[in-house]
Amino acid sequence: MKLKVDFVTNSSSTFFIISTKSEDDLNKKAIAQIEINLRDYISESFSSKVALINDFGIEYLKTEEGKTVLKEIKKGNTIHILRVSSDDIDSISRYLCEEGLDNVKMPKGIKIIKDEGGY
């Protein structure tokens, strides 16, 4: 009889079967497309210069990023800060931490200002 003495999880697993013509095929990147509801990851939103300064300070507006953000606010756009963690239990958070927004096709009207994926 086998006895499991370490931590037991409720995780599930599966397996896949694939076919390749050559070993080189395995070096090619597969593309996984997932839908992401960006609203689920918004931690803060700013639509005015005053709100931006209150949170980030006046010095932030002197940085390139701050200038870009302020320009978007002046156009009437709202700035959203999305926060994710690799410790989050959902796989999308972990994916975004690893990959950033580089491989996410954004809908029309959304502009990426800062993308720091990859840890």
N, C-alpha and C. Protein backbone atom coordinates (compact mmCIF):
# COMPACT_ATOMS: atom_id res chain seq x y z
N MET A 1 0.84 -1.18 0.00
CA MET A 1 0.00 0.00 0.00
C MET A 1 0.88 1.24 0.00
N LYS A 2 0.57 2.23 -0.89
CA LYS A 2 1.32 3.48 -0.93
C LYS A 2 0.65 4.49 -0.03
N LEU A 3 1.45 5.24 0.67
CA LEU A 3 0.95 6.26 1.58
C LEU A 3 1.47 7.61 1.15
N LYS A 4 0.59 8.58 0.93
CA LYS A 4 0.99 9.94 0.55
C LYS A 4 1.14 10.75 1.82
N VAL A 5 2.35 11.28 2.06
CA VAL A 5 2.59 12.01 3.30
C VAL A 5 2.81 13.50 3.08
N ASP A 6 2.91 13.94 1.84
CA ASP A 6 3.11 15.37 1.60
C ASP A 6 1.78 16.05 1.33
N PHE A 7 1.83 17.32 0.94
CA PHE A 7 0.65 18.13 0.72
C PHE A 7 -0.19 17.58 -0.43
N VAL A 8 -1.47 17.45 -0.23
CA VAL A 8 -2.38 16.94 -1.24
C VAL A 8 -3.22 18.11 -1.77
N THR A 9 -3.33 18.21 -3.09
CA THR A 9 -4.12 19.30 -3.68
C THR A 9 -5.31 18.72 -4.41
N ASN A 10 -6.21 19.60 -4.76
CA ASN A 10 -7.36 19.20 -5.57
C ASN A 10 -7.11 19.49 -7.04
N SER A 11 -5.86 19.61 -7.43
CA SER A 11 -5.57 19.95 -8.82
C SER A 11 -5.92 18.78 -9.73
N SER A 12 -6.20 19.13 -10.96
CA SER A 12 -6.50 18.11 -11.94
C SER A 12 -5.45 18.18 -13.03
N SER A 13 -5.35 17.14 -13.80
CA SER A 13 -4.38 17.15 -14.88
C SER A 13 -5.01 16.50 -16.11
N THR A 14 -4.37 16.72 -17.22
CA THR A 14 -4.82 16.12 -18.46
C THR A 14 -3.59 15.85 -19.31
N PHE A 15 -3.75 15.19 -20.41
CA PHE A 15 -2.63 15.00 -21.31
C PHE A 15 -3.09 15.28 -22.73
N PHE A 16 -2.12 15.55 -23.59
CA PHE A 16 -2.41 15.88 -24.98
C PHE A 16 -1.56 14.98 -25.86
N ILE A 17 -2.04 14.73 -27.05
CA ILE A 17 -1.28 13.97 -28.04
C ILE A 17 -1.11 14.86 -29.25
N ILE A 18 0.13 15.01 -29.69
CA ILE A 18 0.41 15.83 -30.87
C ILE A 18 1.28 15.03 -31.83
N SER A 19 1.34 15.47 -33.06
CA SER A 19 2.17 14.83 -34.08
C SER A 19 3.03 15.89 -34.74
N THR A 20 4.27 15.57 -35.03
CA THR A 20 5.15 16.50 -35.73
C THR A 20 5.85 15.79 -36.87
N LYS A 21 6.21 16.56 -37.88
CA LYS A 21 6.98 16.00 -38.99
C LYS A 21 8.46 15.89 -38.61
N SER A 22 8.94 16.85 -37.81
CA SER A 22 10.34 16.83 -37.40
C SER A 22 10.49 17.41 -36.00
N GLU A 23 11.64 17.19 -35.40
CA GLU A 23 11.93 17.75 -34.07
C GLU A 23 11.93 19.27 -34.10
N ASP A 24 12.31 19.87 -35.23
CA ASP A 24 12.33 21.33 -35.36
C ASP A 24 10.94 21.94 -35.17
N ASP A 25 9.91 21.18 -35.50
CA ASP A 25 8.55 21.68 -35.32
C ASP A 25 8.25 22.01 -33.86
N LEU A 26 8.91 21.30 -32.96
CA LEU A 26 8.67 21.54 -31.53
C LEU A 26 9.29 22.84 -31.04
N ASN A 27 10.19 23.43 -31.83
CA ASN A 27 10.80 24.70 -31.48
C ASN A 27 9.94 25.90 -31.88
N LYS A 28 8.92 25.65 -32.67
CA LYS A 28 8.02 26.72 -33.10
C LYS A 28 7.05 27.04 -31.98
N LYS A 29 6.66 28.30 -31.91
CA LYS A 29 5.72 28.73 -30.86
C LYS A 29 4.29 28.43 -31.25
N ALA A 30 3.57 27.85 -30.33
CA ALA A 30 2.12 27.68 -30.50
C ALA A 30 1.46 28.95 -29.96
N ILE A 31 0.32 29.29 -30.47
CA ILE A 31 -0.36 30.52 -30.06
C ILE A 31 -1.63 30.15 -29.31
N ALA A 32 -1.69 30.60 -28.07
CA ALA A 32 -2.90 30.38 -27.27
C ALA A 32 -3.65 31.71 -27.18
N GLN A 33 -4.90 31.69 -27.53
CA GLN A 33 -5.71 32.90 -27.44
C GLN A 33 -6.73 32.73 -26.33
N ILE A 34 -6.74 33.70 -25.44
CA ILE A 34 -7.69 33.67 -24.34
C ILE A 34 -8.40 35.02 -24.28
N GLU A 35 -9.61 35.01 -23.81
CA GLU A 35 -10.34 36.26 -23.64
C GLU A 35 -10.08 36.77 -22.23
N ILE A 36 -9.87 38.06 -22.12
CA ILE A 36 -9.58 38.67 -20.83
C ILE A 36 -10.55 39.82 -20.61
N ASN A 37 -11.24 39.83 -19.49
CA ASN A 37 -12.07 40.96 -19.12
C ASN A 37 -11.18 41.91 -18.33
N LEU A 38 -10.67 42.94 -18.97
CA LEU A 38 -9.72 43.86 -18.35
C LEU A 38 -10.29 44.51 -17.09
N ARG A 39 -11.58 44.72 -17.05
CA ARG A 39 -12.23 45.34 -15.89
C ARG A 39 -11.94 44.56 -14.60
N ASP A 40 -11.77 43.26 -14.71
CA ASP A 40 -11.51 42.42 -13.53
C ASP A 40 -10.17 42.73 -12.88
N TYR A 41 -9.27 43.38 -13.58
CA TYR A 41 -7.92 43.60 -13.08
C TYR A 41 -7.60 45.07 -12.78
N ILE A 42 -8.59 45.95 -12.92
CA ILE A 42 -8.38 47.37 -12.66
C ILE A 42 -8.35 47.62 -11.16
N SER A 43 -7.27 48.27 -10.71
CA SER A 43 -7.16 48.61 -9.29
C SER A 43 -7.41 50.09 -9.05
N GLU A 44 -7.13 50.93 -10.04
CA GLU A 44 -7.34 52.37 -9.91
C GLU A 44 -7.66 52.94 -11.29
N SER A 45 -8.40 54.05 -11.29
CA SER A 45 -8.70 54.76 -12.54
C SER A 45 -8.56 56.25 -12.29
N PHE A 46 -8.09 56.97 -13.31
CA PHE A 46 -7.88 58.42 -13.22
C PHE A 46 -8.44 59.09 -14.45
N SER A 47 -9.18 60.16 -14.25
CA SER A 47 -9.68 60.91 -15.40
C SER A 47 -9.38 62.39 -15.26
N SER A 48 -8.57 62.76 -14.26
CA SER A 48 -8.20 64.16 -14.11
C SER A 48 -6.74 64.29 -13.67
N LYS A 49 -6.16 65.42 -13.99
CA LYS A 49 -4.78 65.71 -13.61
C LYS A 49 -4.65 65.74 -12.08
N VAL A 50 -5.66 66.31 -11.41
CA VAL A 50 -5.63 66.41 -9.94
C VAL A 50 -5.58 65.03 -9.30
N ALA A 51 -6.42 64.11 -9.77
CA ALA A 51 -6.43 62.75 -9.22
C ALA A 51 -5.10 62.06 -9.45
N LEU A 52 -4.52 62.30 -10.61
CA LEU A 52 -3.23 61.71 -10.95
C LEU A 52 -2.14 62.23 -10.00
N ILE A 53 -2.11 63.53 -9.77
CA ILE A 53 -1.12 64.14 -8.87
C ILE A 53 -1.33 63.65 -7.44
N ASN A 54 -2.58 63.53 -7.01
CA ASN A 54 -2.87 63.07 -5.65
C ASN A 54 -2.30 61.68 -5.40
N ASP A 55 -2.34 60.83 -6.40
CA ASP A 55 -1.86 59.46 -6.23
C ASP A 55 -0.37 59.29 -6.52
N PHE A 56 0.11 59.95 -7.56
CA PHE A 56 1.49 59.73 -8.01
C PHE A 56 2.45 60.86 -7.67
N GLY A 57 1.93 62.03 -7.35
CA GLY A 57 2.79 63.16 -7.04
C GLY A 57 3.10 63.99 -8.28
N ILE A 58 3.44 65.23 -8.06
CA ILE A 58 3.72 66.16 -9.16
C ILE A 58 4.94 65.75 -9.97
N GLU A 59 5.92 65.11 -9.33
CA GLU A 59 7.15 64.70 -10.02
C GLU A 59 6.87 63.67 -11.12
N TYR A 60 5.82 62.89 -10.93
CA TYR A 60 5.47 61.86 -11.91
C TYR A 60 5.18 62.50 -13.27
N LEU A 61 4.59 63.68 -13.26
CA LEU A 61 4.23 64.34 -14.52
C LEU A 61 5.44 64.78 -15.32
N LYS A 62 6.62 64.76 -14.71
CA LYS A 62 7.86 65.13 -15.40
C LYS A 62 8.49 63.94 -16.11
N THR A 63 8.02 62.73 -15.80
CA THR A 63 8.57 61.54 -16.46
C THR A 63 7.90 61.35 -17.82
N GLU A 64 8.53 60.60 -18.69
CA GLU A 64 7.95 60.33 -20.01
C GLU A 64 6.59 59.64 -19.88
N GLU A 65 6.54 58.67 -18.98
CA GLU A 65 5.28 57.98 -18.76
C GLU A 65 4.21 58.93 -18.25
N GLY A 66 4.56 59.78 -17.29
CA GLY A 66 3.61 60.75 -16.74
C GLY A 66 3.10 61.71 -17.80
N LYS A 67 4.00 62.15 -18.68
CA LYS A 67 3.61 63.06 -19.77
C LYS A 67 2.63 62.37 -20.72
N THR A 68 2.89 61.11 -21.01
CA THR A 68 2.00 60.35 -21.89
C THR A 68 0.63 60.17 -21.25
N VAL A 69 0.62 59.82 -19.97
CA VAL A 69 -0.63 59.63 -19.24
C VAL A 69 -1.43 60.93 -19.22
N LEU A 70 -0.77 62.02 -18.92
CA LEU A 70 -1.44 63.33 -18.86
C LEU A 70 -2.01 63.72 -20.23
N LYS A 71 -1.28 63.42 -21.28
CA LYS A 71 -1.75 63.70 -22.64
C LYS A 71 -3.05 62.94 -22.92
N GLU A 72 -3.12 61.69 -22.47
CA GLU A 72 -4.33 60.89 -22.67
C GLU A 72 -5.50 61.47 -21.87
N ILE A 73 -5.24 61.92 -20.66
CA ILE A 73 -6.30 62.54 -19.84
C ILE A 73 -6.80 63.81 -20.50
N LYS A 74 -5.88 64.61 -21.05
CA LYS A 74 -6.27 65.85 -21.73
C LYS A 74 -7.13 65.58 -22.96
N LYS A 75 -6.97 64.40 -23.57
CA LYS A 75 -7.81 64.01 -24.71
C LYS A 75 -9.21 63.59 -24.26
N GLY A 76 -9.41 63.50 -22.94
CA GLY A 76 -10.70 63.06 -22.42
C GLY A 76 -10.74 61.57 -22.10
N ASN A 77 -9.60 60.91 -22.17
CA ASN A 77 -9.54 59.48 -21.89
C ASN A 77 -9.36 59.23 -20.39
N THR A 78 -9.72 58.04 -19.96
CA THR A 78 -9.52 57.62 -18.58
C THR A 78 -8.34 56.67 -18.53
N ILE A 79 -7.50 56.83 -17.53
CA ILE A 79 -6.33 55.98 -17.33
C ILE A 79 -6.71 54.90 -16.31
N HIS A 80 -6.39 53.66 -16.61
CA HIS A 80 -6.68 52.55 -15.71
C HIS A 80 -5.38 51.84 -15.36
N ILE A 81 -5.21 51.55 -14.10
CA ILE A 81 -4.06 50.77 -13.63
C ILE A 81 -4.56 49.35 -13.42
N LEU A 82 -3.95 48.40 -14.10
CA LEU A 82 -4.29 47.00 -13.94
C LEU A 82 -3.19 46.34 -13.11
N ARG A 83 -3.59 45.60 -12.09
CA ARG A 83 -2.61 44.91 -11.24
C ARG A 83 -2.92 43.42 -11.24
N VAL A 84 -1.87 42.64 -11.46
CA VAL A 84 -1.98 41.19 -11.39
C VAL A 84 -0.76 40.66 -10.63
N SER A 85 -0.88 39.47 -10.12
CA SER A 85 0.21 38.86 -9.37
C SER A 85 0.34 37.40 -9.77
N SER A 86 1.56 36.93 -9.79
CA SER A 86 1.76 35.51 -10.08
C SER A 86 1.23 34.64 -8.95
N ASP A 87 0.96 35.25 -7.79
CA ASP A 87 0.39 34.52 -6.65
C ASP A 87 -1.12 34.39 -6.76
N ASP A 88 -1.74 35.15 -7.66
CA ASP A 88 -3.19 35.06 -7.83
C ASP A 88 -3.55 33.64 -8.27
N ILE A 89 -4.72 33.21 -7.87
CA ILE A 89 -5.10 31.83 -8.19
C ILE A 89 -5.60 31.66 -9.62
N ASP A 90 -6.00 32.76 -10.27
CA ASP A 90 -6.49 32.57 -11.63
C ASP A 90 -5.35 32.55 -12.64
N SER A 91 -5.51 31.73 -13.64
CA SER A 91 -4.45 31.53 -14.62
C SER A 91 -4.21 32.76 -15.49
N ILE A 92 -5.20 33.61 -15.66
CA ILE A 92 -5.02 34.81 -16.48
C ILE A 92 -4.03 35.75 -15.80
N SER A 93 -4.13 35.92 -14.49
CA SER A 93 -3.18 36.77 -13.77
C SER A 93 -1.76 36.25 -13.95
N ARG A 94 -1.60 34.96 -13.79
CA ARG A 94 -0.27 34.37 -13.96
C ARG A 94 0.24 34.54 -15.38
N TYR A 95 -0.66 34.38 -16.35
CA TYR A 95 -0.30 34.56 -17.75
C TYR A 95 0.16 36.00 -18.01
N LEU A 96 -0.62 36.97 -17.50
CA LEU A 96 -0.27 38.37 -17.71
C LEU A 96 1.05 38.74 -17.03
N CYS A 97 1.32 38.16 -15.87
CA CYS A 97 2.60 38.41 -15.20
C CYS A 97 3.76 37.91 -16.05
N GLU A 98 3.57 36.76 -16.64
CA GLU A 98 4.63 36.16 -17.42
C GLU A 98 4.79 36.83 -18.78
N GLU A 99 3.70 37.04 -19.47
CA GLU A 99 3.74 37.50 -20.86
C GLU A 99 3.50 38.99 -21.04
N GLY A 100 2.90 39.64 -20.05
CA GLY A 100 2.53 41.04 -20.22
C GLY A 100 1.37 41.15 -21.20
N LEU A 101 1.26 42.30 -21.82
CA LEU A 101 0.17 42.53 -22.76
C LEU A 101 0.62 42.40 -24.21
N ASP A 102 1.87 42.01 -24.41
CA ASP A 102 2.42 41.89 -25.76
C ASP A 102 1.58 41.01 -26.67
N ASN A 103 1.11 39.91 -26.15
CA ASN A 103 0.39 38.94 -26.98
C ASN A 103 -1.12 39.05 -26.85
N VAL A 104 -1.58 40.14 -26.24
CA VAL A 104 -3.01 40.35 -26.07
C VAL A 104 -3.49 41.32 -27.15
N LYS A 105 -4.41 40.88 -27.97
CA LYS A 105 -4.96 41.74 -29.01
C LYS A 105 -6.02 42.62 -28.35
N MET A 106 -5.72 43.91 -28.25
CA MET A 106 -6.62 44.84 -27.58
C MET A 106 -7.73 45.29 -28.52
N PRO A 107 -8.93 45.46 -27.97
CA PRO A 107 -10.01 45.99 -28.79
C PRO A 107 -9.75 47.45 -29.17
N LYS A 108 -10.39 47.90 -30.22
CA LYS A 108 -10.25 49.28 -30.67
C LYS A 108 -10.64 50.22 -29.51
N GLY A 109 -9.86 51.26 -29.33
CA GLY A 109 -10.15 52.24 -28.28
C GLY A 109 -9.28 52.06 -27.05
N ILE A 110 -8.53 50.96 -26.98
CA ILE A 110 -7.64 50.74 -25.84
C ILE A 110 -6.20 50.88 -26.30
N LYS A 111 -5.46 51.72 -25.60
CA LYS A 111 -4.06 51.97 -25.92
C LYS A 111 -3.22 51.52 -24.74
N ILE A 112 -2.20 50.74 -25.00
CA ILE A 112 -1.29 50.30 -23.93
C ILE A 112 -0.23 51.37 -23.74
N ILE A 113 -0.14 51.89 -22.53
CA ILE A 113 0.87 52.91 -22.21
C ILE A 113 2.08 52.29 -21.57
N LYS A 114 1.87 51.35 -20.68
CA LYS A 114 2.98 50.68 -20.01
C LYS A 114 2.68 49.21 -19.91
N ASP A 115 3.66 48.40 -20.26
CA ASP A 115 3.50 46.96 -20.22
C ASP A 115 4.77 46.36 -19.62
N GLU A 116 4.66 45.86 -18.40
CA GLU A 116 5.83 45.29 -17.74
C GLU A 116 5.67 43.80 -17.46
N GLY A 117 5.22 43.08 -18.44
CA GLY A 117 5.10 41.64 -18.26
C GLY A 117 6.46 40.99 -18.22
N GLY A 118 6.48 39.78 -17.76
CA GLY A 118 7.72 39.04 -17.65
C GLY A 118 8.39 39.32 -16.33
N TYR A 119 8.57 38.32 -15.55
CA TYR A 119 9.18 38.53 -14.24
C TYR A 119 10.31 37.58 -14.03
